[in-house]
Amino acid sequence: MLKTLRQRLDRVEVCNPKLAHRLCQLIPAQCPFERDITLFGRKLFHIPPMCKLNPLYEEVVALRFRALCYLADECGEDITAYC
């Protein structure tokens, strides 16, 4: 089942600016779960990034990259807002 999902994500072609913007907004640039827990200015512990445990992580990141490349190369847009 995961293999078919991976293949479908790899086959998604970004050829629409609206789709590219939506993908860049929905897929975060970095893992939103990674953070340092501090108390009174002292670091208590670090929560590592959990996104790499996602079996579709590589495909989702590649999809976001394709969307960013489409916006930059084909549309000539400034993508710094998504970085």
N, C-alpha and C. Protein backbone atom coordinates (compact mmCIF):
# COMPACT_ATOMS: atom_id res chain seq x y z
N MET A 1 0.82 -1.19 0.00
CA MET A 1 0.00 0.00 0.00
C MET A 1 0.87 1.26 0.00
N LEU A 2 1.93 1.26 0.80
CA LEU A 2 2.82 2.43 0.84
C LEU A 2 3.53 2.63 -0.50
N LYS A 3 3.84 1.54 -1.15
CA LYS A 3 4.54 1.65 -2.44
C LYS A 3 3.69 2.39 -3.45
N THR A 4 2.39 2.10 -3.49
CA THR A 4 1.52 2.79 -4.44
C THR A 4 1.37 4.27 -4.09
N LEU A 5 1.29 4.58 -2.79
CA LEU A 5 1.22 5.98 -2.38
C LEU A 5 2.50 6.73 -2.76
N ARG A 6 3.64 6.09 -2.55
CA ARG A 6 4.91 6.71 -2.93
C ARG A 6 4.96 6.97 -4.43
N GLN A 7 4.53 6.01 -5.20
CA GLN A 7 4.54 6.16 -6.65
C GLN A 7 3.60 7.28 -7.10
N ARG A 8 2.45 7.36 -6.48
CA ARG A 8 1.51 8.43 -6.83
C ARG A 8 2.08 9.80 -6.49
N LEU A 9 2.70 9.93 -5.34
CA LEU A 9 3.30 11.21 -4.97
C LEU A 9 4.44 11.58 -5.90
N ASP A 10 5.21 10.59 -6.33
CA ASP A 10 6.31 10.85 -7.25
C ASP A 10 5.82 11.25 -8.64
N ARG A 11 4.63 10.82 -9.00
CA ARG A 11 4.09 11.11 -10.33
C ARG A 11 3.33 12.44 -10.39
N VAL A 12 3.10 13.08 -9.26
CA VAL A 12 2.38 14.36 -9.27
C VAL A 12 3.25 15.40 -9.97
N GLU A 13 2.72 15.97 -11.02
CA GLU A 13 3.42 17.01 -11.76
C GLU A 13 2.86 18.36 -11.33
N VAL A 14 3.75 19.25 -11.04
CA VAL A 14 3.35 20.59 -10.65
C VAL A 14 3.39 21.45 -11.90
N CYS A 15 2.23 21.78 -12.43
CA CYS A 15 2.16 22.58 -13.66
C CYS A 15 1.12 23.69 -13.54
N ASN A 16 0.81 24.05 -12.30
CA ASN A 16 -0.19 25.07 -12.03
C ASN A 16 0.31 25.92 -10.87
N PRO A 17 0.38 27.24 -11.04
CA PRO A 17 0.88 28.09 -9.95
C PRO A 17 0.06 27.99 -8.67
N LYS A 18 -1.27 27.86 -8.80
CA LYS A 18 -2.10 27.75 -7.60
C LYS A 18 -1.77 26.48 -6.81
N LEU A 19 -1.61 25.38 -7.53
CA LEU A 19 -1.24 24.12 -6.88
C LEU A 19 0.13 24.23 -6.23
N ALA A 20 1.07 24.84 -6.92
CA ALA A 20 2.42 24.99 -6.38
C ALA A 20 2.41 25.83 -5.10
N HIS A 21 1.66 26.92 -5.10
CA HIS A 21 1.56 27.76 -3.90
C HIS A 21 0.91 26.98 -2.76
N ARG A 22 -0.13 26.25 -3.07
CA ARG A 22 -0.84 25.48 -2.03
C ARG A 22 0.08 24.42 -1.42
N LEU A 23 0.85 23.72 -2.25
CA LEU A 23 1.77 22.70 -1.74
C LEU A 23 2.84 23.33 -0.86
N CYS A 24 3.36 24.47 -1.27
CA CYS A 24 4.40 25.13 -0.48
C CYS A 24 3.86 25.64 0.85
N GLN A 25 2.59 26.00 0.88
CA GLN A 25 1.98 26.44 2.13
C GLN A 25 1.66 25.28 3.06
N LEU A 26 1.23 24.17 2.49
CA LEU A 26 0.81 23.02 3.31
C LEU A 26 1.97 22.17 3.83
N ILE A 27 3.03 22.06 3.05
CA ILE A 27 4.15 21.21 3.44
C ILE A 27 5.21 22.11 4.10
N PRO A 28 5.49 21.90 5.38
CA PRO A 28 6.45 22.78 6.07
C PRO A 28 7.88 22.56 5.58
N ALA A 29 8.69 23.63 5.68
CA ALA A 29 10.09 23.56 5.25
C ALA A 29 10.93 22.74 6.21
N GLN A 30 10.54 22.72 7.46
CA GLN A 30 11.26 21.93 8.46
C GLN A 30 10.25 21.29 9.39
N CYS A 31 10.69 20.32 10.12
CA CYS A 31 9.79 19.57 10.99
C CYS A 31 9.20 20.48 12.07
N PRO A 32 7.87 20.56 12.15
CA PRO A 32 7.26 21.44 13.15
C PRO A 32 7.31 20.88 14.57
N PHE A 33 7.73 19.64 14.73
CA PHE A 33 7.73 19.02 16.05
C PHE A 33 9.07 19.16 16.77
N GLU A 34 10.12 19.46 16.04
CA GLU A 34 11.45 19.57 16.65
C GLU A 34 11.53 20.87 17.44
N ARG A 35 11.97 20.78 18.68
CA ARG A 35 12.13 21.99 19.51
C ARG A 35 12.90 21.69 20.78
N ASP A 36 13.38 22.75 21.39
CA ASP A 36 14.04 22.67 22.68
C ASP A 36 13.04 23.10 23.75
N ILE A 37 12.99 22.37 24.83
CA ILE A 37 12.13 22.71 25.96
C ILE A 37 13.00 23.40 27.01
N THR A 38 12.66 24.65 27.28
CA THR A 38 13.45 25.43 28.24
C THR A 38 12.57 25.87 29.40
N LEU A 39 13.21 26.06 30.53
CA LEU A 39 12.54 26.56 31.72
C LEU A 39 13.48 27.51 32.42
N PHE A 40 13.06 28.73 32.60
CA PHE A 40 13.87 29.78 33.22
C PHE A 40 15.20 29.96 32.50
N GLY A 41 15.16 29.90 31.18
CA GLY A 41 16.35 30.12 30.38
C GLY A 41 17.30 28.93 30.28
N ARG A 42 16.97 27.82 30.91
CA ARG A 42 17.83 26.63 30.85
C ARG A 42 17.15 25.57 29.99
N LYS A 43 17.92 24.98 29.12
CA LYS A 43 17.41 23.93 28.24
C LYS A 43 17.25 22.64 29.04
N LEU A 44 16.01 22.16 29.13
CA LEU A 44 15.73 20.92 29.86
C LEU A 44 15.97 19.69 28.99
N PHE A 45 15.40 19.72 27.78
CA PHE A 45 15.62 18.62 26.86
C PHE A 45 15.25 19.04 25.45
N HIS A 46 15.63 18.19 24.50
CA HIS A 46 15.42 18.46 23.09
C HIS A 46 14.50 17.39 22.50
N ILE A 47 13.46 17.82 21.79
CA ILE A 47 12.58 16.88 21.09
C ILE A 47 13.12 16.77 19.67
N PRO A 48 13.56 15.59 19.26
CA PRO A 48 14.13 15.43 17.91
C PRO A 48 13.05 15.52 16.84
N PRO A 49 13.46 15.74 15.59
CA PRO A 49 12.47 15.79 14.52
C PRO A 49 11.81 14.42 14.32
N MET A 50 10.51 14.42 14.31
CA MET A 50 9.77 13.17 14.16
C MET A 50 9.33 12.93 12.71
N CYS A 51 9.50 13.92 11.85
CA CYS A 51 9.02 13.80 10.48
C CYS A 51 9.69 12.66 9.72
N LYS A 52 10.92 12.38 10.03
CA LYS A 52 11.63 11.32 9.30
C LYS A 52 11.08 9.94 9.64
N LEU A 53 10.25 9.84 10.65
CA LEU A 53 9.60 8.56 10.95
C LEU A 53 8.42 8.31 10.02
N ASN A 54 7.97 9.36 9.33
CA ASN A 54 6.88 9.25 8.38
C ASN A 54 7.37 8.45 7.17
N PRO A 55 6.69 7.38 6.79
CA PRO A 55 7.16 6.56 5.67
C PRO A 55 7.08 7.28 4.31
N LEU A 56 6.35 8.37 4.23
CA LEU A 56 6.22 9.12 2.99
C LEU A 56 7.01 10.43 3.02
N TYR A 57 7.88 10.58 4.00
CA TYR A 57 8.61 11.83 4.20
C TYR A 57 9.39 12.26 2.96
N GLU A 58 10.16 11.36 2.39
CA GLU A 58 11.01 11.70 1.24
C GLU A 58 10.16 12.14 0.04
N GLU A 59 9.06 11.49 -0.20
CA GLU A 59 8.21 11.82 -1.33
C GLU A 59 7.53 13.17 -1.14
N VAL A 60 7.09 13.46 0.09
CA VAL A 60 6.43 14.74 0.37
C VAL A 60 7.43 15.89 0.24
N VAL A 61 8.64 15.70 0.75
CA VAL A 61 9.66 16.73 0.63
C VAL A 61 10.04 16.94 -0.83
N ALA A 62 10.11 15.88 -1.60
CA ALA A 62 10.42 16.01 -3.03
C ALA A 62 9.29 16.74 -3.76
N LEU A 63 8.05 16.50 -3.38
CA LEU A 63 6.92 17.20 -3.98
C LEU A 63 7.00 18.70 -3.69
N ARG A 64 7.33 19.04 -2.47
CA ARG A 64 7.48 20.47 -2.11
C ARG A 64 8.62 21.09 -2.92
N PHE A 65 9.71 20.37 -3.07
CA PHE A 65 10.84 20.86 -3.84
C PHE A 65 10.45 21.09 -5.31
N ARG A 66 9.69 20.16 -5.88
CA ARG A 66 9.24 20.34 -7.26
C ARG A 66 8.34 21.57 -7.39
N ALA A 67 7.50 21.80 -6.40
CA ALA A 67 6.63 22.98 -6.42
C ALA A 67 7.46 24.26 -6.34
N LEU A 68 8.47 24.26 -5.46
CA LEU A 68 9.33 25.44 -5.35
C LEU A 68 10.10 25.68 -6.65
N CYS A 69 10.60 24.63 -7.25
CA CYS A 69 11.33 24.76 -8.52
C CYS A 69 10.42 25.27 -9.62
N TYR A 70 9.19 24.81 -9.66
CA TYR A 70 8.24 25.28 -10.66
C TYR A 70 7.99 26.78 -10.50
N LEU A 71 7.76 27.20 -9.26
CA LEU A 71 7.50 28.62 -9.02
C LEU A 71 8.71 29.47 -9.39
N ALA A 72 9.90 29.01 -9.06
CA ALA A 72 11.10 29.80 -9.33
C ALA A 72 11.49 29.77 -10.81
N ASP A 73 11.50 28.59 -11.41
CA ASP A 73 12.01 28.45 -12.77
C ASP A 73 10.97 28.79 -13.84
N GLU A 74 9.79 28.24 -13.71
CA GLU A 74 8.77 28.42 -14.75
C GLU A 74 8.00 29.73 -14.60
N CYS A 75 7.65 30.08 -13.36
CA CYS A 75 6.85 31.28 -13.13
C CYS A 75 7.71 32.51 -12.85
N GLY A 76 8.97 32.31 -12.50
CA GLY A 76 9.86 33.43 -12.20
C GLY A 76 9.50 34.16 -10.91
N GLU A 77 8.89 33.47 -9.98
CA GLU A 77 8.47 34.09 -8.73
C GLU A 77 9.58 34.00 -7.67
N ASP A 78 9.51 34.89 -6.71
CA ASP A 78 10.42 34.89 -5.58
C ASP A 78 9.88 33.91 -4.54
N ILE A 79 10.67 32.91 -4.20
CA ILE A 79 10.21 31.85 -3.30
C ILE A 79 10.77 32.00 -1.88
N THR A 80 11.39 33.12 -1.58
CA THR A 80 11.99 33.29 -0.25
C THR A 80 10.95 33.24 0.86
N ALA A 81 9.72 33.54 0.57
CA ALA A 81 8.66 33.47 1.59
C ALA A 81 8.42 32.04 2.05
N TYR A 82 8.77 31.06 1.24
CA TYR A 82 8.54 29.65 1.57
C TYR A 82 9.77 28.96 2.15
N CYS A 83 10.85 29.67 2.27
CA CYS A 83 12.08 29.06 2.77
C CYS A 83 12.26 29.28 4.25
